[in-house]
Amino acid sequence: MAAADMSTPKIQPYKTNLNVCVMGLIIFLVSELALFGAFFMYYANLRLARGVEWPGDFHIPAEATSINTLILVVSSFTCEFALLSLDKKGKGSRVFAWLFVTFILGSIFLGLQVYEYMTIGFTPQDTSVGAIFFSLTGLHGLHVFVGLLLLGLGMIRAVRGRWSPDNHVGLLGISVYWHFVDIVWVILFAVVYCLPSS
């Protein structure tokens, strides 16, 4: 009988004040950082440790891509404006407008990235540097595409008047994800496009 009373005490889970969805988003983004980090490490290994050059006389188009970078950075601001424009009436017209502008800018970015792929002058099969270039930028492009889908869902909810100052966790999640995509691109642009070709 005494042995039954000596059972192990229940351990209470650590309580946070974070919404479950926000906590899930943080865990997801940390895993995405690890994924992108692995690709960046492989790129650094090729370029710095092994000294692998770009194919032939090719020079990465940093000037042209800087315009694309500016477009994506501006889209981060317009996405944040969507959050800041929440009103208590729940009309959502301003939220929709800012999300729509963000969607258009993101689509332009993705379209220019596809155009760069078609005109860049090498393929993933040419060299290992070509493969990691397409892998890194393609992985980021996939994340932009997912972001565009989320922006589309956000616009649908804005039209239906679902966003308000008291109910906007989903919109916050969309905004944080879009900022994450932008920050990753700025790092990618600095490392892949702006560092010397050789």
N, C-alpha and C. Protein backbone atom coordinates (compact mmCIF):
# COMPACT_ATOMS: atom_id res chain seq x y z
N MET A 1 0.82 -1.19 0.00
CA MET A 1 0.00 0.00 0.00
C MET A 1 0.87 1.25 0.00
N ALA A 2 1.94 1.19 0.78
CA ALA A 2 2.85 2.33 0.83
C ALA A 2 3.53 2.53 -0.51
N ALA A 3 3.78 1.41 -1.20
CA ALA A 3 4.44 1.50 -2.52
C ALA A 3 3.56 2.22 -3.51
N ALA A 4 2.23 2.02 -3.40
CA ALA A 4 1.32 2.68 -4.33
C ALA A 4 1.29 4.18 -4.09
N ASP A 5 1.47 4.60 -2.85
CA ASP A 5 1.47 6.02 -2.53
C ASP A 5 2.75 6.71 -2.98
N MET A 6 3.79 5.95 -3.24
CA MET A 6 5.10 6.52 -3.59
C MET A 6 5.23 6.72 -5.11
N SER A 7 4.14 6.84 -5.82
CA SER A 7 4.19 7.02 -7.28
C SER A 7 4.86 8.36 -7.61
N THR A 8 5.42 8.42 -8.81
CA THR A 8 6.14 9.64 -9.23
C THR A 8 5.16 10.79 -9.40
N PRO A 9 5.56 11.97 -8.98
CA PRO A 9 4.65 13.13 -9.11
C PRO A 9 4.46 13.52 -10.57
N LYS A 10 3.32 14.09 -10.86
CA LYS A 10 3.06 14.55 -12.23
C LYS A 10 3.87 15.80 -12.52
N ILE A 11 4.47 15.80 -13.70
CA ILE A 11 5.27 16.95 -14.12
C ILE A 11 4.37 17.88 -14.93
N GLN A 12 4.31 19.12 -14.52
CA GLN A 12 3.50 20.10 -15.22
C GLN A 12 4.26 20.63 -16.43
N PRO A 13 3.62 20.74 -17.59
CA PRO A 13 4.31 21.30 -18.75
C PRO A 13 4.63 22.78 -18.55
N TYR A 14 5.72 23.21 -19.17
CA TYR A 14 6.12 24.61 -19.08
C TYR A 14 5.10 25.45 -19.83
N LYS A 15 4.54 26.43 -19.16
CA LYS A 15 3.50 27.25 -19.77
C LYS A 15 4.11 28.49 -20.40
N THR A 16 3.70 28.77 -21.62
CA THR A 16 4.10 30.01 -22.28
C THR A 16 2.85 30.81 -22.56
N ASN A 17 3.03 32.06 -22.79
CA ASN A 17 1.89 32.92 -23.13
C ASN A 17 1.68 33.00 -24.63
N LEU A 18 2.43 32.19 -25.40
CA LEU A 18 2.31 32.23 -26.85
C LEU A 18 1.12 31.41 -27.32
N ASN A 19 0.48 31.91 -28.35
CA ASN A 19 -0.58 31.16 -29.01
C ASN A 19 0.02 29.89 -29.61
N VAL A 20 -0.75 28.82 -29.62
CA VAL A 20 -0.27 27.54 -30.15
C VAL A 20 0.16 27.68 -31.61
N CYS A 21 -0.60 28.44 -32.39
CA CYS A 21 -0.27 28.63 -33.81
C CYS A 21 1.05 29.39 -33.98
N VAL A 22 1.26 30.40 -33.13
CA VAL A 22 2.51 31.18 -33.20
C VAL A 22 3.69 30.29 -32.82
N MET A 23 3.52 29.47 -31.77
CA MET A 23 4.57 28.56 -31.36
C MET A 23 4.89 27.55 -32.47
N GLY A 24 3.85 27.04 -33.11
CA GLY A 24 4.05 26.12 -34.23
C GLY A 24 4.79 26.78 -35.37
N LEU A 25 4.47 28.04 -35.65
CA LEU A 25 5.15 28.77 -36.72
C LEU A 25 6.63 28.97 -36.38
N ILE A 26 6.92 29.28 -35.12
CA ILE A 26 8.31 29.46 -34.71
C ILE A 26 9.10 28.16 -34.89
N ILE A 27 8.52 27.04 -34.47
CA ILE A 27 9.19 25.75 -34.64
C ILE A 27 9.41 25.44 -36.12
N PHE A 28 8.41 25.72 -36.94
CA PHE A 28 8.52 25.49 -38.38
C PHE A 28 9.63 26.34 -38.99
N LEU A 29 9.70 27.63 -38.62
CA LEU A 29 10.71 28.52 -39.19
C LEU A 29 12.12 28.14 -38.74
N VAL A 30 12.26 27.64 -37.52
CA VAL A 30 13.57 27.17 -37.07
C VAL A 30 14.01 25.98 -37.91
N SER A 31 13.09 25.06 -38.22
CA SER A 31 13.44 23.93 -39.07
C SER A 31 13.78 24.39 -40.49
N GLU A 32 13.10 25.43 -40.97
CA GLU A 32 13.42 25.98 -42.29
C GLU A 32 14.80 26.65 -42.30
N LEU A 33 15.15 27.29 -41.19
CA LEU A 33 16.50 27.86 -41.07
C LEU A 33 17.55 26.78 -41.18
N ALA A 34 17.30 25.63 -40.56
CA ALA A 34 18.24 24.52 -40.63
C ALA A 34 18.35 24.01 -42.07
N LEU A 35 17.23 23.94 -42.77
CA LEU A 35 17.25 23.49 -44.17
C LEU A 35 18.06 24.43 -45.04
N PHE A 36 17.76 25.72 -44.96
CA PHE A 36 18.52 26.69 -45.75
C PHE A 36 19.98 26.72 -45.32
N GLY A 37 20.22 26.57 -44.02
CA GLY A 37 21.59 26.55 -43.52
C GLY A 37 22.41 25.44 -44.14
N ALA A 38 21.80 24.26 -44.31
CA ALA A 38 22.51 23.14 -44.94
C ALA A 38 22.89 23.48 -46.37
N PHE A 39 21.98 24.11 -47.11
CA PHE A 39 22.29 24.50 -48.49
C PHE A 39 23.38 25.56 -48.54
N PHE A 40 23.32 26.54 -47.62
CA PHE A 40 24.36 27.58 -47.58
C PHE A 40 25.72 26.99 -47.23
N MET A 41 25.73 26.01 -46.33
CA MET A 41 27.00 25.37 -45.96
C MET A 41 27.60 24.63 -47.14
N TYR A 42 26.77 23.96 -47.91
CA TYR A 42 27.27 23.25 -49.09
C TYR A 42 27.82 24.24 -50.11
N TYR A 43 27.12 25.35 -50.29
CA TYR A 43 27.59 26.39 -51.21
C TYR A 43 28.94 26.94 -50.74
N ALA A 44 29.04 27.22 -49.44
CA ALA A 44 30.30 27.74 -48.89
C ALA A 44 31.43 26.72 -49.05
N ASN A 45 31.10 25.45 -48.88
CA ASN A 45 32.11 24.40 -49.05
C ASN A 45 32.63 24.38 -50.49
N LEU A 46 31.72 24.50 -51.44
CA LEU A 46 32.13 24.49 -52.86
C LEU A 46 32.97 25.70 -53.21
N ARG A 47 32.48 26.88 -52.83
CA ARG A 47 33.12 28.13 -53.26
C ARG A 47 34.37 28.47 -52.46
N LEU A 48 34.32 28.27 -51.15
CA LEU A 48 35.43 28.71 -50.30
C LEU A 48 36.44 27.59 -50.06
N ALA A 49 35.96 26.43 -49.64
CA ALA A 49 36.89 25.35 -49.30
C ALA A 49 37.49 24.70 -50.55
N ARG A 50 36.67 24.47 -51.56
CA ARG A 50 37.16 23.79 -52.76
C ARG A 50 37.53 24.74 -53.88
N GLY A 51 37.09 25.98 -53.80
CA GLY A 51 37.43 26.96 -54.83
C GLY A 51 36.81 26.71 -56.19
N VAL A 52 35.63 26.09 -56.22
CA VAL A 52 34.96 25.81 -57.49
C VAL A 52 34.46 27.11 -58.11
N GLU A 53 34.74 27.30 -59.39
CA GLU A 53 34.39 28.53 -60.10
C GLU A 53 33.02 28.39 -60.76
N TRP A 54 32.47 29.55 -61.16
CA TRP A 54 31.26 29.53 -61.98
C TRP A 54 31.61 28.98 -63.36
N PRO A 55 30.64 28.39 -64.04
CA PRO A 55 30.94 27.79 -65.35
C PRO A 55 31.48 28.81 -66.36
N GLY A 56 32.58 28.46 -67.01
CA GLY A 56 33.14 29.27 -68.10
C GLY A 56 33.46 30.69 -67.67
N ASP A 57 33.13 31.65 -68.54
CA ASP A 57 33.36 33.06 -68.25
C ASP A 57 32.15 33.72 -67.61
N PHE A 58 31.27 32.92 -67.04
CA PHE A 58 30.01 33.44 -66.53
C PHE A 58 30.22 34.31 -65.31
N HIS A 59 29.48 35.41 -65.26
CA HIS A 59 29.44 36.26 -64.07
C HIS A 59 27.99 36.35 -63.62
N ILE A 60 27.77 36.14 -62.35
CA ILE A 60 26.42 36.15 -61.79
C ILE A 60 25.78 37.53 -61.99
N PRO A 61 24.52 37.60 -62.42
CA PRO A 61 23.88 38.89 -62.73
C PRO A 61 23.41 39.66 -61.50
N ALA A 62 24.35 40.16 -60.70
CA ALA A 62 24.00 40.83 -59.45
C ALA A 62 23.22 42.12 -59.69
N GLU A 63 23.57 42.88 -60.75
CA GLU A 63 22.90 44.16 -61.00
C GLU A 63 21.42 43.95 -61.31
N ALA A 64 21.14 43.02 -62.21
CA ALA A 64 19.75 42.76 -62.59
C ALA A 64 18.96 42.20 -61.41
N THR A 65 19.58 41.32 -60.65
CA THR A 65 18.88 40.69 -59.53
C THR A 65 18.68 41.65 -58.37
N SER A 66 19.48 42.72 -58.32
CA SER A 66 19.29 43.70 -57.24
C SER A 66 17.92 44.37 -57.35
N ILE A 67 17.42 44.54 -58.57
CA ILE A 67 16.07 45.10 -58.77
C ILE A 67 15.03 44.13 -58.20
N ASN A 68 15.24 42.84 -58.47
CA ASN A 68 14.34 41.83 -57.94
C ASN A 68 14.38 41.81 -56.41
N THR A 69 15.57 42.00 -55.86
CA THR A 69 15.72 42.05 -54.40
C THR A 69 14.95 43.23 -53.82
N LEU A 70 15.06 44.38 -54.47
CA LEU A 70 14.34 45.57 -54.02
C LEU A 70 12.83 45.33 -54.04
N ILE A 71 12.34 44.66 -55.07
CA ILE A 71 10.91 44.34 -55.16
C ILE A 71 10.47 43.50 -53.97
N LEU A 72 11.28 42.49 -53.62
CA LEU A 72 10.91 41.62 -52.51
C LEU A 72 10.97 42.35 -51.17
N VAL A 73 11.96 43.21 -51.00
CA VAL A 73 12.08 43.99 -49.76
C VAL A 73 10.88 44.93 -49.59
N VAL A 74 10.48 45.58 -50.68
CA VAL A 74 9.30 46.46 -50.63
C VAL A 74 8.06 45.65 -50.27
N SER A 75 7.96 44.42 -50.80
CA SER A 75 6.80 43.58 -50.50
C SER A 75 6.71 43.24 -49.01
N SER A 76 7.85 43.20 -48.34
CA SER A 76 7.84 42.95 -46.90
C SER A 76 7.17 44.10 -46.15
N PHE A 77 7.43 45.31 -46.62
CA PHE A 77 6.79 46.49 -46.01
C PHE A 77 5.29 46.49 -46.28
N THR A 78 4.89 46.18 -47.52
CA THR A 78 3.45 46.19 -47.82
C THR A 78 2.72 45.11 -47.04
N CYS A 79 3.39 43.98 -46.80
CA CYS A 79 2.77 42.92 -45.99
C CYS A 79 2.58 43.39 -44.55
N GLU A 80 3.56 44.11 -44.04
CA GLU A 80 3.44 44.64 -42.68
C GLU A 80 2.34 45.69 -42.59
N PHE A 81 2.18 46.49 -43.65
CA PHE A 81 1.11 47.49 -43.68
C PHE A 81 -0.26 46.83 -43.59
N ALA A 82 -0.38 45.61 -44.13
CA ALA A 82 -1.66 44.89 -44.02
C ALA A 82 -2.00 44.65 -42.56
N LEU A 83 -1.01 44.26 -41.77
CA LEU A 83 -1.24 44.05 -40.34
C LEU A 83 -1.58 45.35 -39.63
N LEU A 84 -0.88 46.40 -40.00
CA LEU A 84 -1.08 47.69 -39.34
C LEU A 84 -2.42 48.34 -39.70
N SER A 85 -3.02 47.89 -40.80
CA SER A 85 -4.26 48.52 -41.25
C SER A 85 -5.52 47.82 -40.73
N LEU A 86 -5.37 46.90 -39.79
CA LEU A 86 -6.54 46.23 -39.21
C LEU A 86 -7.43 47.25 -38.51
N ASP A 87 -8.73 47.16 -38.75
CA ASP A 87 -9.65 48.06 -38.06
C ASP A 87 -10.69 47.25 -37.28
N LYS A 88 -11.28 47.88 -36.30
CA LYS A 88 -12.22 47.17 -35.42
C LYS A 88 -13.52 46.83 -36.12
N LYS A 89 -13.84 47.52 -37.20
CA LYS A 89 -15.08 47.25 -37.91
C LYS A 89 -15.02 45.94 -38.70
N GLY A 90 -13.81 45.45 -38.95
CA GLY A 90 -13.66 44.18 -39.66
C GLY A 90 -13.98 44.24 -41.13
N LYS A 91 -13.92 45.45 -41.73
CA LYS A 91 -14.22 45.55 -43.16
C LYS A 91 -13.15 44.89 -44.01
N GLY A 92 -11.89 45.08 -43.65
CA GLY A 92 -10.81 44.37 -44.32
C GLY A 92 -10.41 44.90 -45.68
N SER A 93 -10.98 46.02 -46.13
CA SER A 93 -10.65 46.50 -47.48
C SER A 93 -9.20 46.96 -47.56
N ARG A 94 -8.71 47.61 -46.52
CA ARG A 94 -7.30 48.05 -46.53
C ARG A 94 -6.37 46.85 -46.39
N VAL A 95 -6.76 45.90 -45.55
CA VAL A 95 -5.96 44.68 -45.40
C VAL A 95 -5.86 43.98 -46.74
N PHE A 96 -7.00 43.84 -47.42
CA PHE A 96 -7.01 43.20 -48.73
C PHE A 96 -6.11 43.95 -49.70
N ALA A 97 -6.19 45.28 -49.73
CA ALA A 97 -5.40 46.07 -50.67
C ALA A 97 -3.90 45.86 -50.46
N TRP A 98 -3.46 45.88 -49.19
CA TRP A 98 -2.03 45.70 -48.92
C TRP A 98 -1.58 44.27 -49.23
N LEU A 99 -2.43 43.29 -48.91
CA LEU A 99 -2.08 41.91 -49.25
C LEU A 99 -2.02 41.72 -50.76
N PHE A 100 -2.92 42.38 -51.48
CA PHE A 100 -2.93 42.27 -52.94
C PHE A 100 -1.66 42.87 -53.53
N VAL A 101 -1.25 44.03 -53.02
CA VAL A 101 0.00 44.65 -53.50
C VAL A 101 1.18 43.72 -53.21
N THR A 102 1.19 43.13 -52.03
CA THR A 102 2.26 42.18 -51.67
C THR A 102 2.25 40.99 -52.61
N PHE A 103 1.05 40.47 -52.92
CA PHE A 103 0.92 39.34 -53.83
C PHE A 103 1.47 39.69 -55.22
N ILE A 104 1.14 40.88 -55.71
CA ILE A 104 1.62 41.30 -57.04
C ILE A 104 3.14 41.41 -57.03
N LEU A 105 3.71 42.04 -56.00
CA LEU A 105 5.17 42.18 -55.92
C LEU A 105 5.85 40.82 -55.83
N GLY A 106 5.29 39.91 -55.04
CA GLY A 106 5.84 38.56 -54.94
C GLY A 106 5.77 37.81 -56.25
N SER A 107 4.67 38.00 -56.99
CA SER A 107 4.52 37.36 -58.31
C SER A 107 5.54 37.90 -59.30
N ILE A 108 5.78 39.22 -59.26
CA ILE A 108 6.78 39.82 -60.14
C ILE A 108 8.16 39.25 -59.81
N PHE A 109 8.45 39.15 -58.52
CA PHE A 109 9.74 38.57 -58.10
C PHE A 109 9.90 37.16 -58.67
N LEU A 110 8.88 36.35 -58.51
CA LEU A 110 8.95 34.96 -58.97
C LEU A 110 9.08 34.90 -60.49
N GLY A 111 8.34 35.77 -61.19
CA GLY A 111 8.43 35.80 -62.65
C GLY A 111 9.82 36.19 -63.13
N LEU A 112 10.43 37.18 -62.47
CA LEU A 112 11.78 37.60 -62.85
C LEU A 112 12.80 36.51 -62.53
N GLN A 113 12.55 35.74 -61.48
CA GLN A 113 13.45 34.63 -61.15
C GLN A 113 13.39 33.55 -62.22
N VAL A 114 12.19 33.26 -62.70
CA VAL A 114 12.03 32.28 -63.78
C VAL A 114 12.72 32.78 -65.04
N TYR A 115 12.57 34.07 -65.34
CA TYR A 115 13.24 34.66 -66.51
C TYR A 115 14.75 34.54 -66.37
N GLU A 116 15.26 34.76 -65.18
CA GLU A 116 16.71 34.60 -64.95
C GLU A 116 17.15 33.17 -65.22
N TYR A 117 16.35 32.20 -64.79
CA TYR A 117 16.69 30.80 -65.05
C TYR A 117 16.81 30.52 -66.55
N MET A 118 15.90 31.12 -67.31
CA MET A 118 15.88 30.85 -68.76
C MET A 118 17.03 31.53 -69.50
N THR A 119 17.59 32.60 -68.92
CA THR A 119 18.61 33.37 -69.63
C THR A 119 19.98 33.33 -68.96
N ILE A 120 20.15 32.55 -67.93
CA ILE A 120 21.37 32.63 -67.12
C ILE A 120 22.60 32.09 -67.81
N GLY A 121 22.45 31.14 -68.71
CA GLY A 121 23.61 30.68 -69.47
C GLY A 121 24.22 29.38 -68.99
N PHE A 122 23.66 28.76 -67.96
CA PHE A 122 24.12 27.44 -67.55
C PHE A 122 22.95 26.69 -66.92
N THR A 123 23.13 25.41 -66.73
CA THR A 123 22.07 24.56 -66.17
C THR A 123 22.60 23.87 -64.91
N PRO A 124 21.74 23.24 -64.14
CA PRO A 124 22.21 22.52 -62.95
C PRO A 124 23.17 21.38 -63.30
N GLN A 125 23.11 20.88 -64.52
CA GLN A 125 23.97 19.76 -64.91
C GLN A 125 25.38 20.19 -65.28
N ASP A 126 25.62 21.48 -65.48
CA ASP A 126 26.93 21.93 -65.96
C ASP A 126 28.03 21.74 -64.92
N THR A 127 27.86 22.26 -63.73
CA THR A 127 28.85 22.11 -62.66
C THR A 127 28.13 22.00 -61.33
N SER A 128 28.91 21.65 -60.30
CA SER A 128 28.31 21.56 -58.96
C SER A 128 27.86 22.93 -58.47
N VAL A 129 28.57 24.00 -58.87
CA VAL A 129 28.15 25.35 -58.49
C VAL A 129 26.82 25.70 -59.15
N GLY A 130 26.66 25.30 -60.41
CA GLY A 130 25.38 25.52 -61.08
C GLY A 130 24.26 24.78 -60.38
N ALA A 131 24.56 23.56 -59.92
CA ALA A 131 23.53 22.77 -59.23
C ALA A 131 23.12 23.42 -57.92
N ILE A 132 24.10 23.90 -57.14
CA ILE A 132 23.74 24.51 -55.85
C ILE A 132 23.07 25.87 -56.07
N PHE A 133 23.44 26.58 -57.13
CA PHE A 133 22.77 27.85 -57.44
C PHE A 133 21.29 27.62 -57.69
N PHE A 134 20.98 26.65 -58.56
CA PHE A 134 19.57 26.37 -58.86
C PHE A 134 18.86 25.77 -57.65
N SER A 135 19.58 24.99 -56.84
CA SER A 135 18.96 24.40 -55.65
C SER A 135 18.59 25.48 -54.63
N LEU A 136 19.54 26.37 -54.36
CA LEU A 136 19.29 27.43 -53.37
C LEU A 136 18.20 28.38 -53.83
N THR A 137 18.33 28.90 -55.04
CA THR A 137 17.33 29.85 -55.52
C THR A 137 15.99 29.17 -55.78
N GLY A 138 16.03 27.91 -56.20
CA GLY A 138 14.79 27.16 -56.41
C GLY A 138 14.06 26.87 -55.12
N LEU A 139 14.83 26.50 -54.08
CA LEU A 139 14.22 26.28 -52.76
C LEU A 139 13.57 27.56 -52.26
N HIS A 140 14.25 28.67 -52.45
CA HIS A 140 13.67 29.94 -52.04
C HIS A 140 12.43 30.26 -52.88
N GLY A 141 12.51 30.02 -54.18
CA GLY A 141 11.36 30.26 -55.05
C GLY A 141 10.15 29.45 -54.63
N LEU A 142 10.38 28.20 -54.19
CA LEU A 142 9.29 27.37 -53.69
C LEU A 142 8.65 28.00 -52.46
N HIS A 143 9.47 28.58 -51.59
CA HIS A 143 8.94 29.25 -50.41
C HIS A 143 8.16 30.52 -50.77
N VAL A 144 8.61 31.22 -51.80
CA VAL A 144 7.86 32.39 -52.27
C VAL A 144 6.50 31.94 -52.80
N PHE A 145 6.48 30.84 -53.55
CA PHE A 145 5.22 30.32 -54.09
C PHE A 145 4.25 29.96 -52.96
N VAL A 146 4.75 29.29 -51.92
CA VAL A 146 3.91 28.98 -50.76
C VAL A 146 3.41 30.26 -50.11
N GLY A 147 4.29 31.26 -50.03
CA GLY A 147 3.89 32.56 -49.48
C GLY A 147 2.78 33.20 -50.28
N LEU A 148 2.84 33.06 -51.61
CA LEU A 148 1.79 33.62 -52.46
C LEU A 148 0.46 32.92 -52.20
N LEU A 149 0.51 31.60 -51.99
CA LEU A 149 -0.73 30.87 -51.65
C LEU A 149 -1.30 31.38 -50.33
N LEU A 150 -0.42 31.59 -49.35
CA LEU A 150 -0.89 32.11 -48.06
C LEU A 150 -1.46 33.51 -48.18
N LEU A 151 -0.82 34.35 -49.01
CA LEU A 151 -1.36 35.70 -49.24
C LEU A 151 -2.73 35.63 -49.89
N GLY A 152 -2.91 34.68 -50.81
CA GLY A 152 -4.22 34.49 -51.44
C GLY A 152 -5.28 34.12 -50.42
N LEU A 153 -4.94 33.21 -49.51
CA LEU A 153 -5.88 32.84 -48.44
C LEU A 153 -6.17 34.04 -47.54
N GLY A 154 -5.13 34.82 -47.26
CA GLY A 154 -5.31 36.02 -46.45
C GLY A 154 -6.24 37.02 -47.10
N MET A 155 -6.14 37.15 -48.43
CA MET A 155 -7.04 38.07 -49.15
C MET A 155 -8.48 37.59 -49.11
N ILE A 156 -8.66 36.27 -49.24
CA ILE A 156 -10.02 35.72 -49.18
C ILE A 156 -10.64 36.01 -47.81
N ARG A 157 -9.86 35.81 -46.76
CA ARG A 157 -10.38 36.09 -45.41
C ARG A 157 -10.63 37.58 -45.20
N ALA A 158 -9.80 38.43 -45.83
CA ALA A 158 -10.00 39.88 -45.72
C ALA A 158 -11.31 40.29 -46.38
N VAL A 159 -11.60 39.72 -47.54
CA VAL A 159 -12.85 40.03 -48.25
C VAL A 159 -14.05 39.61 -47.39
N ARG A 160 -13.92 38.50 -46.68
CA ARG A 160 -15.01 38.01 -45.84
C ARG A 160 -15.08 38.70 -44.49
N GLY A 161 -14.15 39.64 -44.24
CA GLY A 161 -14.16 40.39 -42.99
C GLY A 161 -13.74 39.58 -41.78
N ARG A 162 -12.86 38.60 -41.98
CA ARG A 162 -12.45 37.72 -40.88
C ARG A 162 -11.31 38.27 -40.04
N TRP A 163 -10.58 39.27 -40.55
CA TRP A 163 -9.46 39.81 -39.78
C TRP A 163 -9.92 40.98 -38.93
N SER A 164 -9.48 41.01 -37.70
CA SER A 164 -9.77 42.13 -36.79
C SER A 164 -8.63 42.23 -35.79
N PRO A 165 -8.55 43.33 -35.04
CA PRO A 165 -7.49 43.43 -34.03
C PRO A 165 -7.53 42.32 -32.99
N ASP A 166 -8.72 41.73 -32.78
CA ASP A 166 -8.84 40.65 -31.80
C ASP A 166 -8.67 39.27 -32.42
N ASN A 167 -8.73 39.17 -33.74
CA ASN A 167 -8.64 37.89 -34.44
C ASN A 167 -7.75 38.04 -35.67
N HIS A 168 -6.45 37.97 -35.44
CA HIS A 168 -5.53 38.15 -36.57
C HIS A 168 -4.28 37.29 -36.47
N VAL A 169 -4.36 36.18 -35.71
CA VAL A 169 -3.18 35.31 -35.55
C VAL A 169 -2.76 34.75 -36.91
N GLY A 170 -3.72 34.37 -37.74
CA GLY A 170 -3.40 33.85 -39.07
C GLY A 170 -2.71 34.89 -39.94
N LEU A 171 -3.18 36.11 -39.88
CA LEU A 171 -2.56 37.20 -40.64
C LEU A 171 -1.15 37.47 -40.14
N LEU A 172 -0.97 37.41 -38.83
CA LEU A 172 0.36 37.56 -38.25
C LEU A 172 1.29 36.45 -38.75
N GLY A 173 0.77 35.23 -38.81
CA GLY A 173 1.56 34.11 -39.31
C GLY A 173 1.98 34.30 -40.76
N ILE A 174 1.05 34.78 -41.59
CA ILE A 174 1.37 35.05 -42.99
C ILE A 174 2.47 36.11 -43.09
N SER A 175 2.33 37.16 -42.29
CA SER A 175 3.30 38.25 -42.31
C SER A 175 4.68 37.78 -41.86
N VAL A 176 4.73 37.01 -40.77
CA VAL A 176 6.02 36.51 -40.28
C VAL A 176 6.67 35.61 -41.30
N TYR A 177 5.89 34.73 -41.92
CA TYR A 177 6.43 33.84 -42.95
C TYR A 177 6.99 34.65 -44.12
N TRP A 178 6.27 35.67 -44.56
CA TRP A 178 6.72 36.49 -45.69
C TRP A 178 8.01 37.24 -45.34
N HIS A 179 8.10 37.75 -44.12
CA HIS A 179 9.33 38.41 -43.68
C HIS A 179 10.49 37.42 -43.66
N PHE A 180 10.22 36.19 -43.23
CA PHE A 180 11.25 35.15 -43.22
C PHE A 180 11.76 34.90 -44.63
N VAL A 181 10.84 34.78 -45.58
CA VAL A 181 11.22 34.55 -46.99
C VAL A 181 12.09 35.71 -47.49
N ASP A 182 11.73 36.93 -47.12
CA ASP A 182 12.50 38.10 -47.55
C ASP A 182 13.90 38.11 -46.95
N ILE A 183 13.99 37.81 -45.65
CA ILE A 183 15.30 37.82 -44.98
C ILE A 183 16.21 36.76 -45.58
N VAL A 184 15.66 35.57 -45.84
CA VAL A 184 16.47 34.51 -46.46
C VAL A 184 16.98 34.96 -47.83
N TRP A 185 16.11 35.66 -48.61
CA TRP A 185 16.55 36.11 -49.92
C TRP A 185 17.66 37.15 -49.81
N VAL A 186 17.56 38.06 -48.87
CA VAL A 186 18.60 39.08 -48.70
C VAL A 186 19.94 38.41 -48.39
N ILE A 187 19.93 37.40 -47.53
CA ILE A 187 21.15 36.66 -47.22
C ILE A 187 21.65 35.93 -48.46
N LEU A 188 20.73 35.27 -49.16
CA LEU A 188 21.08 34.54 -50.38
C LEU A 188 21.67 35.48 -51.43
N PHE A 189 21.05 36.63 -51.60
CA PHE A 189 21.54 37.61 -52.58
C PHE A 189 22.94 38.09 -52.21
N ALA A 190 23.16 38.35 -50.92
CA ALA A 190 24.47 38.84 -50.48
C ALA A 190 25.54 37.77 -50.68
N VAL A 191 25.22 36.52 -50.36
CA VAL A 191 26.22 35.45 -50.42
C VAL A 191 26.46 34.98 -51.85
N VAL A 192 25.39 34.73 -52.59
CA VAL A 192 25.52 34.13 -53.92
C VAL A 192 25.78 35.17 -55.00
N TYR A 193 25.08 36.29 -54.95
CA TYR A 193 25.16 37.27 -56.05
C TYR A 193 26.23 38.34 -55.83
N CYS A 194 26.46 38.72 -54.58
CA CYS A 194 27.34 39.87 -54.34
C CYS A 194 28.79 39.53 -54.05
N LEU A 195 29.06 38.30 -53.57
CA LEU A 195 30.45 37.94 -53.34
C LEU A 195 31.17 37.80 -54.68
N PRO A 196 32.47 37.99 -54.71
CA PRO A 196 33.21 37.90 -55.98
C PRO A 196 33.00 36.55 -56.66
N SER A 197 33.03 36.58 -58.00
CA SER A 197 32.80 35.36 -58.78
C SER A 197 33.95 34.38 -58.64
N SER A 198 35.13 34.85 -58.35
CA SER A 198 36.28 33.95 -58.27
C SER A 198 37.08 34.23 -57.00
